[in-house]
Structure formats: C-alpha cells, structure tokens
Amino acid sequence: MSAKSIFQEEKNPRGIPKAPFIANVEEYLGGPDGAVETPLKNFQDAIAKYRYMDANLTQRRKGLEDKIPDIRKTLHMVEFLQERREGKNKSDDLEDDLSDEENSENPQKLLTTTFELNDTLFAEAELENTDTVYLWLGANVMLSYKLSEAASLLRSKLELAEVSLKATIEDLEFLREQLTVMEVNTARVYNWDVKRRRERRLAGEANGKKGG
C-alpha cells in the first residue's frame, strides 16, 4: 500500500486528509528489503503541504480575530442608535398633546461621540436622530442601510465569522496533530533504515571473518 493512497482515505469535515500512523515499518515498506527513499519523500511532501495549510489557516485565524471585534463594535453602535431612535419616537408620542412652544423649549439633544480616523487619531462628531447608517462591505464599497437592516446584516456576519473562527481553530489543531504524526513516521522509517543498514553491515563483517 502506498503512502499516497492512505492520505486520501480519511479527512476531517473541511477536507484535510488524515495522516497515517505507521505502526509496522517493515510491513508498510513491503518487507525487509523495502526501499525507504520514496516513502520518506512522500512524508516530506505531506509535511510541506500540512505546513502550507497551517500557515494559511493561521493567517485566516488572525484575520477573523481582528474582524470579529470590529463587527461586534459596529453592531453595538447600530443597536444603540436603534434603541435611541425608538426611545425618541416613544417620547414624541407621549408629547403629542404638548404645545408647539413647549416642544420648542425641549429640543432633542444631539448625540456627541468620537470616531476613529486612524489607530491613534479620533475626532468628535454630533449625530442627529437618524434611521440610516453606512456600512463598509469591503473592496472600497459602502452601502446605506436602515438601522434594522444593518443590525440584521451585522448579526449574520458576526455569526458567520464566529462559526468560521471555530472551524479554523479546529482545523489548526487537527493539522498540528497530523504534522506530529508525519514527523514521527519519518523518524520511525529513518531509524528503521539505519538499524537495517547496521545489521547488514555487521552481518557482512561476520561473514567476512568466517570466510577468512
């Protein structure tokens, strides 16, 4: 059985192949005279692929860990604006019987906040009562949404990002287990070959002495 066929048999839920553990090296190589060069090369190729996947998933994990707090923070702000607007509307309903003069004496206060210009620079702004926000969608694209639509979109994006992060962490743990297995396999086959060479050398020396 070749190493290549084993790698294709069992996979994790995201399609990452499981590494075989070589319990019996001699049997795996096809007997005491089995060649080790091809299996060792297959092992090194598999290790290189696992490390490549590990690097990509590590980068993906970092991106998600940076992205999720931003989505959560944006969602909290949209929910705050939504609650504030709903509270304002309820207040307006209660004040329907007040005179125009009384209403003019108690205008709706503007919301003062700060927004980020870059990592170390913030600016102050006043927000009017609004039912619309603008969200960055990536690739320099920004669209306007009603508050309820924006909240729904952000909740969906947050849920997807959290599910993706969980799967990425699971894949990284799985990959590192497979890397360990392949490194152990490599050491076992290499040590088996060293032992075989030493035994053959000693056997040859013993036969030489007998012949002498």
C-alpha atoms as a PDB file:
ATOM      1  CA  MET A   1       0.000   0.000   0.000  1.00  0.00           C
ATOM      2  CA  SER A   2       1.413   3.367  -0.970  1.00  0.00           C
ATOM      3  CA  ALA A   3       1.566   6.352   1.337  1.00  0.00           C
ATOM      4  CA  LYS A   4      -0.327   8.419  -1.206  1.00  0.00           C
ATOM      5  CA  SER A   5      -3.409   6.157  -1.148  1.00  0.00           C
ATOM      6  CA  ILE A   6      -3.559   6.316   2.671  1.00  0.00           C
ATOM      7  CA  PHE A   7      -3.647  10.126   2.712  1.00  0.00           C
ATOM      8  CA  GLN A   8      -6.767  10.145   0.556  1.00  0.00           C
ATOM      9  CA  GLU A   9      -8.857   7.754   2.666  1.00  0.00           C
ATOM     10  CA  GLU A  10      -9.893   9.745   5.750  1.00  0.00           C
ATOM     11  CA  LYS A  11     -10.442  13.502   6.046  1.00  0.00           C
ATOM     12  CA  ASN A  12     -11.720  15.980   8.580  1.00  0.00           C
ATOM     13  CA  PRO A  13     -15.026  17.875   7.968  1.00  0.00           C
ATOM     14  CA  ARG A  14     -13.215  20.551   5.912  1.00  0.00           C
ATOM     15  CA  GLY A  15     -11.444  18.010   3.710  1.00  0.00           C
ATOM     16  CA  ILE A  16      -7.974  18.000   5.303  1.00  0.00           C
ATOM     17  CA  PRO A  17      -6.539  14.473   4.894  1.00  0.00           C
ATOM     18  CA  LYS A  18      -5.646  12.491   7.977  1.00  0.00           C
ATOM     19  CA  ALA A  19      -2.059  11.286   8.247  1.00  0.00           C
ATOM     20  CA  PRO A  20      -1.457   7.538   8.667  1.00  0.00           C
ATOM     21  CA  PHE A  21       0.475   6.272  11.648  1.00  0.00           C
ATOM     22  CA  ILE A  22       2.989   3.632  10.551  1.00  0.00           C
ATOM     23  CA  ALA A  23       2.824   1.046  13.317  1.00  0.00           C
ATOM     24  CA  ASN A  24       4.841  -1.615  11.458  1.00  0.00           C
ATOM     25  CA  VAL A  25       7.523  -0.037   9.283  1.00  0.00           C
ATOM     26  CA  GLU A  26       8.686  -3.253   7.661  1.00  0.00           C
ATOM     27  CA  GLU A  27       5.178  -4.233   6.683  1.00  0.00           C
ATOM     28  CA  TYR A  28       4.462  -0.750   5.372  1.00  0.00           C
ATOM     29  CA  LEU A  29       7.583  -0.843   3.187  1.00  0.00           C
ATOM     30  CA  GLY A  30       6.664  -4.260   1.805  1.00  0.00           C
ATOM     31  CA  GLY A  31       9.259  -6.413   3.562  1.00  0.00           C
ATOM     32  CA  PRO A  32      12.806  -6.346   4.944  1.00  0.00           C
ATOM     33  CA  ASP A  33      14.196  -5.243   1.570  1.00  0.00           C
ATOM     34  CA  GLY A  34      11.721  -2.406   1.063  1.00  0.00           C
ATOM     35  CA  ALA A  35      13.085   0.907  -0.227  1.00  0.00           C
ATOM     36  CA  VAL A  36      12.742   3.926   2.060  1.00  0.00           C
ATOM     37  CA  GLU A  37      13.521   6.747  -0.364  1.00  0.00           C
ATOM     38  CA  THR A  38      10.032   7.039  -1.919  1.00  0.00           C
ATOM     39  CA  PRO A  39       8.104   6.776   1.378  1.00  0.00           C
ATOM     40  CA  LEU A  40      10.384   9.339   3.012  1.00  0.00           C
ATOM     41  CA  LYS A  41       9.897  11.683   0.054  1.00  0.00           C
ATOM     42  CA  ASN A  42       6.104  11.216   0.301  1.00  0.00           C
ATOM     43  CA  PHE A  43       6.272  12.006   4.008  1.00  0.00           C
ATOM     44  CA  GLN A  44       8.262  15.190   3.394  1.00  0.00           C
ATOM     45  CA  ASP A  45       5.811  16.265   0.672  1.00  0.00           C
ATOM     46  CA  ALA A  46       2.909  15.683   3.063  1.00  0.00           C
ATOM     47  CA  ILE A  47       4.643  17.653   5.826  1.00  0.00           C
ATOM     48  CA  ALA A  48       5.243  20.542   3.416  1.00  0.00           C
ATOM     49  CA  LYS A  49       1.539  20.551   2.418  1.00  0.00           C
ATOM     50  CA  TYR A  50       0.409  20.445   6.044  1.00  0.00           C
ATOM     51  CA  ARG A  51       2.716  23.343   6.903  1.00  0.00           C
ATOM     52  CA  TYR A  52       1.398  25.340   3.949  1.00  0.00           C
ATOM     53  CA  MET A  53      -2.183  24.773   5.099  1.00  0.00           C
ATOM     54  CA  ASP A  54      -1.162  25.624   8.661  1.00  0.00           C
ATOM     55  CA  ALA A  55       0.323  28.954   7.534  1.00  0.00           C
ATOM     56  CA  ASN A  56      -2.805  29.860   5.545  1.00  0.00           C
ATOM     57  CA  LEU A  57      -5.149  28.932   8.378  1.00  0.00           C
ATOM     58  CA  THR A  58      -3.026  30.804  10.928  1.00  0.00           C
ATOM     59  CA  GLN A  59      -3.321  33.922   8.763  1.00  0.00           C
ATOM     60  CA  ARG A  60      -7.075  33.329   8.402  1.00  0.00           C
ATOM     61  CA  ARG A  61      -7.438  32.949  12.172  1.00  0.00           C
ATOM     62  CA  LYS A  62      -5.645  36.237  12.775  1.00  0.00           C
ATOM     63  CA  GLY A  63      -7.864  37.997  10.253  1.00  0.00           C
ATOM     64  CA  LEU A  64     -11.022  36.663  11.879  1.00  0.00           C
ATOM     65  CA  GLU A  65      -9.797  37.529  15.371  1.00  0.00           C
ATOM     66  CA  ASP A  66      -9.253  41.111  14.162  1.00  0.00           C
ATOM     67  CA  LYS A  67     -12.541  41.237  12.251  1.00  0.00           C
ATOM     68  CA  ILE A  68     -14.932  39.865  14.882  1.00  0.00           C
ATOM     69  CA  PRO A  69     -14.378  42.647  17.472  1.00  0.00           C
ATOM     70  CA  ASP A  70     -14.909  45.258  14.730  1.00  0.00           C
ATOM     71  CA  ILE A  71     -18.202  43.650  13.668  1.00  0.00           C
ATOM     72  CA  ARG A  72     -19.321  43.365  17.299  1.00  0.00           C
ATOM     73  CA  LYS A  73     -18.442  47.001  17.996  1.00  0.00           C
ATOM     74  CA  THR A  74     -20.299  48.177  14.882  1.00  0.00           C
ATOM     75  CA  LEU A  75     -23.338  46.070  15.804  1.00  0.00           C
ATOM     76  CA  HIS A  76     -23.386  47.531  19.321  1.00  0.00           C
ATOM     77  CA  MET A  77     -23.345  51.052  17.850  1.00  0.00           C
ATOM     78  CA  VAL A  78     -26.182  50.283  15.424  1.00  0.00           C
ATOM     79  CA  GLU A  79     -28.233  48.731  18.231  1.00  0.00           C
ATOM     80  CA  PHE A  80     -27.578  51.818  20.382  1.00  0.00           C
ATOM     81  CA  LEU A  81     -28.783  54.130  17.603  1.00  0.00           C
ATOM     82  CA  GLN A  82     -31.803  51.899  17.077  1.00  0.00           C
ATOM     83  CA  GLU A  83     -32.720  51.951  20.783  1.00  0.00           C
ATOM     84  CA  ARG A  84     -32.157  55.705  20.921  1.00  0.00           C
ATOM     85  CA  ARG A  85     -34.415  56.303  17.922  1.00  0.00           C
ATOM     86  CA  GLU A  86     -37.134  54.011  19.290  1.00  0.00           C
ATOM     87  CA  GLY A  87     -36.937  55.839  22.628  1.00  0.00           C
ATOM     88  CA  LYS A  88     -37.218  59.188  20.816  1.00  0.00           C
ATOM     89  CA  ASN A  89     -40.299  58.027  18.907  1.00  0.00           C
ATOM     90  CA  LYS A  90     -41.981  56.866  22.122  1.00  0.00           C
ATOM     91  CA  SER A  91     -41.161  60.200  23.713  1.00  0.00           C
ATOM     92  CA  ASP A  92     -42.703  62.027  20.733  1.00  0.00           C
ATOM     93  CA  ASP A  93     -45.903  60.007  21.105  1.00  0.00           C
ATOM     94  CA  LEU A  94     -46.186  60.988  24.775  1.00  0.00           C
ATOM     95  CA  GLU A  95     -45.655  64.662  23.921  1.00  0.00           C
ATOM     96  CA  ASP A  96     -48.303  64.868  21.196  1.00  0.00           C
ATOM     97  CA  ASP A  97     -50.546  66.951  23.492  1.00  0.00           C
ATOM     98  CA  LEU A  98     -47.841  69.484  24.349  1.00  0.00           C
ATOM     99  CA  SER A  99     -47.939  72.862  22.709  1.00  0.00           C
ATOM    100  CA  ASP A 100     -45.525  73.915  19.974  1.00  0.00           C
ATOM    101  CA  GLU A 101     -43.981  76.341  22.461  1.00  0.00           C
ATOM    102  CA  GLU A 102     -43.250  73.585  24.989  1.00  0.00           C
ATOM    103  CA  ASN A 103     -41.767  71.362  22.279  1.00  0.00           C
ATOM    104  CA  SER A 104     -39.506  74.139  21.085  1.00  0.00           C
ATOM    105  CA  GLU A 105     -38.207  74.626  24.609  1.00  0.00           C
ATOM    106  CA  ASN A 106     -37.166  70.956  24.846  1.00  0.00           C
ATOM    107  CA  PRO A 107     -35.454  70.107  21.570  1.00  0.00           C
ATOM    108  CA  GLN A 108     -33.965  66.632  21.026  1.00  0.00           C
ATOM    109  CA  LYS A 109     -30.344  66.726  22.122  1.00  0.00           C
ATOM    110  CA  LEU A 110     -27.730  65.764  19.559  1.00  0.00           C
ATOM    111  CA  LEU A 111     -25.561  62.751  20.373  1.00  0.00           C
ATOM    112  CA  THR A 112     -21.903  63.672  20.820  1.00  0.00           C
ATOM    113  CA  THR A 113     -19.420  60.899  20.108  1.00  0.00           C
ATOM    114  CA  THR A 114     -15.949  60.257  18.755  1.00  0.00           C
ATOM    115  CA  PHE A 115     -14.936  58.302  15.676  1.00  0.00           C
ATOM    116  CA  GLU A 116     -11.626  56.800  14.639  1.00  0.00           C
ATOM    117  CA  LEU A 117      -9.627  58.412  11.848  1.00  0.00           C
ATOM    118  CA  ASN A 118      -6.663  56.077  12.279  1.00  0.00           C
ATOM    119  CA  ASP A 119      -5.127  53.941  15.024  1.00  0.00           C
ATOM    120  CA  THR A 120      -4.124  56.911  17.178  1.00  0.00           C
ATOM    121  CA  LEU A 121      -6.368  59.758  15.995  1.00  0.00           C
ATOM    122  CA  PHE A 122     -10.023  60.326  16.896  1.00  0.00           C
ATOM    123  CA  ALA A 123     -12.391  63.163  16.026  1.00  0.00           C
ATOM    124  CA  GLU A 124     -15.547  64.413  17.732  1.00  0.00           C
ATOM    125  CA  ALA A 125     -18.902  64.440  15.955  1.00  0.00           C
ATOM    126  CA  GLU A 126     -22.556  65.183  16.685  1.00  0.00           C
ATOM    127  CA  LEU A 127     -25.139  62.698  15.450  1.00  0.00           C
ATOM    128  CA  GLU A 128     -28.682  63.654  14.564  1.00  0.00           C
ATOM    129  CA  ASN A 129     -31.571  61.285  15.126  1.00  0.00           C
ATOM    130  CA  THR A 130     -31.343  59.055  12.037  1.00  0.00           C
ATOM    131  CA  ASP A 131     -32.718  55.771  10.772  1.00  0.00           C
ATOM    132  CA  THR A 132     -29.888  55.195   8.253  1.00  0.00           C
ATOM    133  CA  VAL A 133     -26.264  54.094   8.603  1.00  0.00           C
ATOM    134  CA  TYR A 134     -23.480  53.385   6.097  1.00  0.00           C
ATOM    135  CA  LEU A 135     -21.544  50.140   6.311  1.00  0.00           C
ATOM    136  CA  TRP A 136     -18.247  49.202   4.671  1.00  0.00           C
ATOM    137  CA  LEU A 137     -18.688  45.927   2.774  1.00  0.00           C
ATOM    138  CA  GLY A 138     -15.062  45.601   1.660  1.00  0.00           C
ATOM    139  CA  ALA A 139     -13.292  46.294  -1.636  1.00  0.00           C
ATOM    140  CA  ASN A 140     -13.892  50.044  -1.087  1.00  0.00           C
ATOM    141  CA  VAL A 141     -17.667  49.519  -1.206  1.00  0.00           C
ATOM    142  CA  MET A 142     -20.019  51.316   1.218  1.00  0.00           C
ATOM    143  CA  LEU A 143     -23.814  50.992   1.226  1.00  0.00           C
ATOM    144  CA  SER A 144     -26.561  52.664   3.240  1.00  0.00           C
ATOM    145  CA  TYR A 145     -28.951  50.569   5.324  1.00  0.00           C
ATOM    146  CA  LYS A 146     -31.887  51.217   7.559  1.00  0.00           C
ATOM    147  CA  LEU A 147     -30.971  50.576  11.183  1.00  0.00           C
ATOM    148  CA  SER A 148     -32.978  47.356  11.392  1.00  0.00           C
ATOM    149  CA  GLU A 149     -31.450  46.050   8.138  1.00  0.00           C
ATOM    150  CA  ALA A 150     -27.954  46.989   9.267  1.00  0.00           C
ATOM    151  CA  ALA A 151     -28.415  45.219  12.611  1.00  0.00           C
ATOM    152  CA  SER A 152     -29.701  42.088  10.875  1.00  0.00           C
ATOM    153  CA  LEU A 153     -26.792  42.103   8.402  1.00  0.00           C
ATOM    154  CA  LEU A 154     -24.198  42.594  11.137  1.00  0.00           C
ATOM    155  CA  ARG A 155     -25.662  39.820  13.302  1.00  0.00           C
ATOM    156  CA  SER A 156     -25.486  37.482  10.301  1.00  0.00           C
ATOM    157  CA  LYS A 157     -21.891  38.482   9.550  1.00  0.00           C
ATOM    158  CA  LEU A 158     -20.904  38.096  13.205  1.00  0.00           C
ATOM    159  CA  GLU A 159     -22.424  34.625  13.422  1.00  0.00           C
ATOM    160  CA  LEU A 160     -20.691  33.502  10.212  1.00  0.00           C
ATOM    161  CA  ALA A 161     -17.345  34.900  11.366  1.00  0.00           C
ATOM    162  CA  GLU A 162     -17.601  33.174  14.761  1.00  0.00           C
ATOM    163  CA  VAL A 163     -18.506  29.842  13.130  1.00  0.00           C
ATOM    164  CA  SER A 164     -15.612  30.262  10.690  1.00  0.00           C
ATOM    165  CA  LEU A 165     -13.184  31.072  13.519  1.00  0.00           C
ATOM    166  CA  LYS A 166     -14.251  27.979  15.465  1.00  0.00           C
ATOM    167  CA  ALA A 167     -13.774  25.774  12.384  1.00  0.00           C
ATOM    168  CA  THR A 168     -10.386  27.380  11.672  1.00  0.00           C
ATOM    169  CA  ILE A 169      -9.155  26.704  15.213  1.00  0.00           C
ATOM    170  CA  GLU A 170     -10.338  23.087  14.957  1.00  0.00           C
ATOM    171  CA  ASP A 171      -8.544  22.709  11.610  1.00  0.00           C
ATOM    172  CA  LEU A 172      -5.322  24.144  13.049  1.00  0.00           C
ATOM    173  CA  GLU A 173      -5.427  21.689  15.949  1.00  0.00           C
ATOM    174  CA  PHE A 174      -6.122  18.830  13.522  1.00  0.00           C
ATOM    175  CA  LEU A 175      -3.285  19.929  11.222  1.00  0.00           C
ATOM    176  CA  ARG A 176      -0.767  20.071  14.043  1.00  0.00           C
ATOM    177  CA  GLU A 177      -1.733  16.564  15.105  1.00  0.00           C
ATOM    178  CA  GLN A 178      -1.151  15.347  11.538  1.00  0.00           C
ATOM    179  CA  LEU A 179       2.198  17.134  11.384  1.00  0.00           C
ATOM    180  CA  THR A 180       3.279  15.378  14.569  1.00  0.00           C
ATOM    181  CA  VAL A 181       2.199  12.003  13.166  1.00  0.00           C
ATOM    182  CA  MET A 182       4.116  12.560   9.925  1.00  0.00           C
ATOM    183  CA  GLU A 183       7.246  13.674  11.773  1.00  0.00           C
ATOM    184  CA  VAL A 184       7.041  10.552  13.944  1.00  0.00           C
ATOM    185  CA  ASN A 185       6.557   8.408  10.826  1.00  0.00           C
ATOM    186  CA  THR A 186       9.597   9.994   9.207  1.00  0.00           C
ATOM    187  CA  ALA A 187      11.734   9.318  12.274  1.00  0.00           C
ATOM    188  CA  ARG A 188      10.495   5.721  12.551  1.00  0.00           C
ATOM    189  CA  VAL A 189      11.232   4.899   8.911  1.00  0.00           C
ATOM    190  CA  TYR A 190      14.621   6.630   9.014  1.00  0.00           C
ATOM    191  CA  ASN A 191      15.620   4.846  12.235  1.00  0.00           C
ATOM    192  CA  TRP A 192      14.398   1.524  10.858  1.00  0.00           C
ATOM    193  CA  ASP A 193      16.583   2.004   7.771  1.00  0.00           C
ATOM    194  CA  VAL A 194      19.602   2.944   9.916  1.00  0.00           C
ATOM    195  CA  LYS A 195      19.076  -0.175  12.017  1.00  0.00           C
ATOM    196  CA  ARG A 196      18.713  -2.340   8.893  1.00  0.00           C
ATOM    197  CA  ARG A 197      21.932  -0.940   7.380  1.00  0.00           C
ATOM    198  CA  ARG A 198      23.825  -1.521  10.628  1.00  0.00           C
ATOM    199  CA  GLU A 199      22.563  -5.095  10.913  1.00  0.00           C
ATOM    200  CA  ARG A 200      23.528  -5.826   7.312  1.00  0.00           C
ATOM    201  CA  ARG A 201      26.958  -4.301   7.821  1.00  0.00           C
ATOM    202  CA  LEU A 202      27.553  -6.363  10.964  1.00  0.00           C
ATOM    203  CA  ALA A 203      26.286  -9.498   9.193  1.00  0.00           C
ATOM    204  CA  GLY A 204      28.659  -8.809   6.279  1.00  0.00           C
ATOM    205  CA  GLU A 205      31.609  -8.307   8.624  1.00  0.00           C
ATOM    206  CA  ALA A 206      30.768 -11.558  10.424  1.00  0.00           C
ATOM    207  CA  ASN A 207      30.563 -13.465   7.147  1.00  0.00           C
ATOM    208  CA  GLY A 208      33.872 -11.945   6.079  1.00  0.00           C
ATOM    209  CA  LYS A 209      35.564 -13.143   9.246  1.00  0.00           C
ATOM    210  CA  LYS A 210      34.160 -16.649   8.760  1.00  0.00           C
ATOM    211  CA  GLY A 211      35.347 -16.718   5.187  1.00  0.00           C
ATOM    212  CA  GLY A 212      38.799 -15.537   6.294  1.00  0.00           C
END
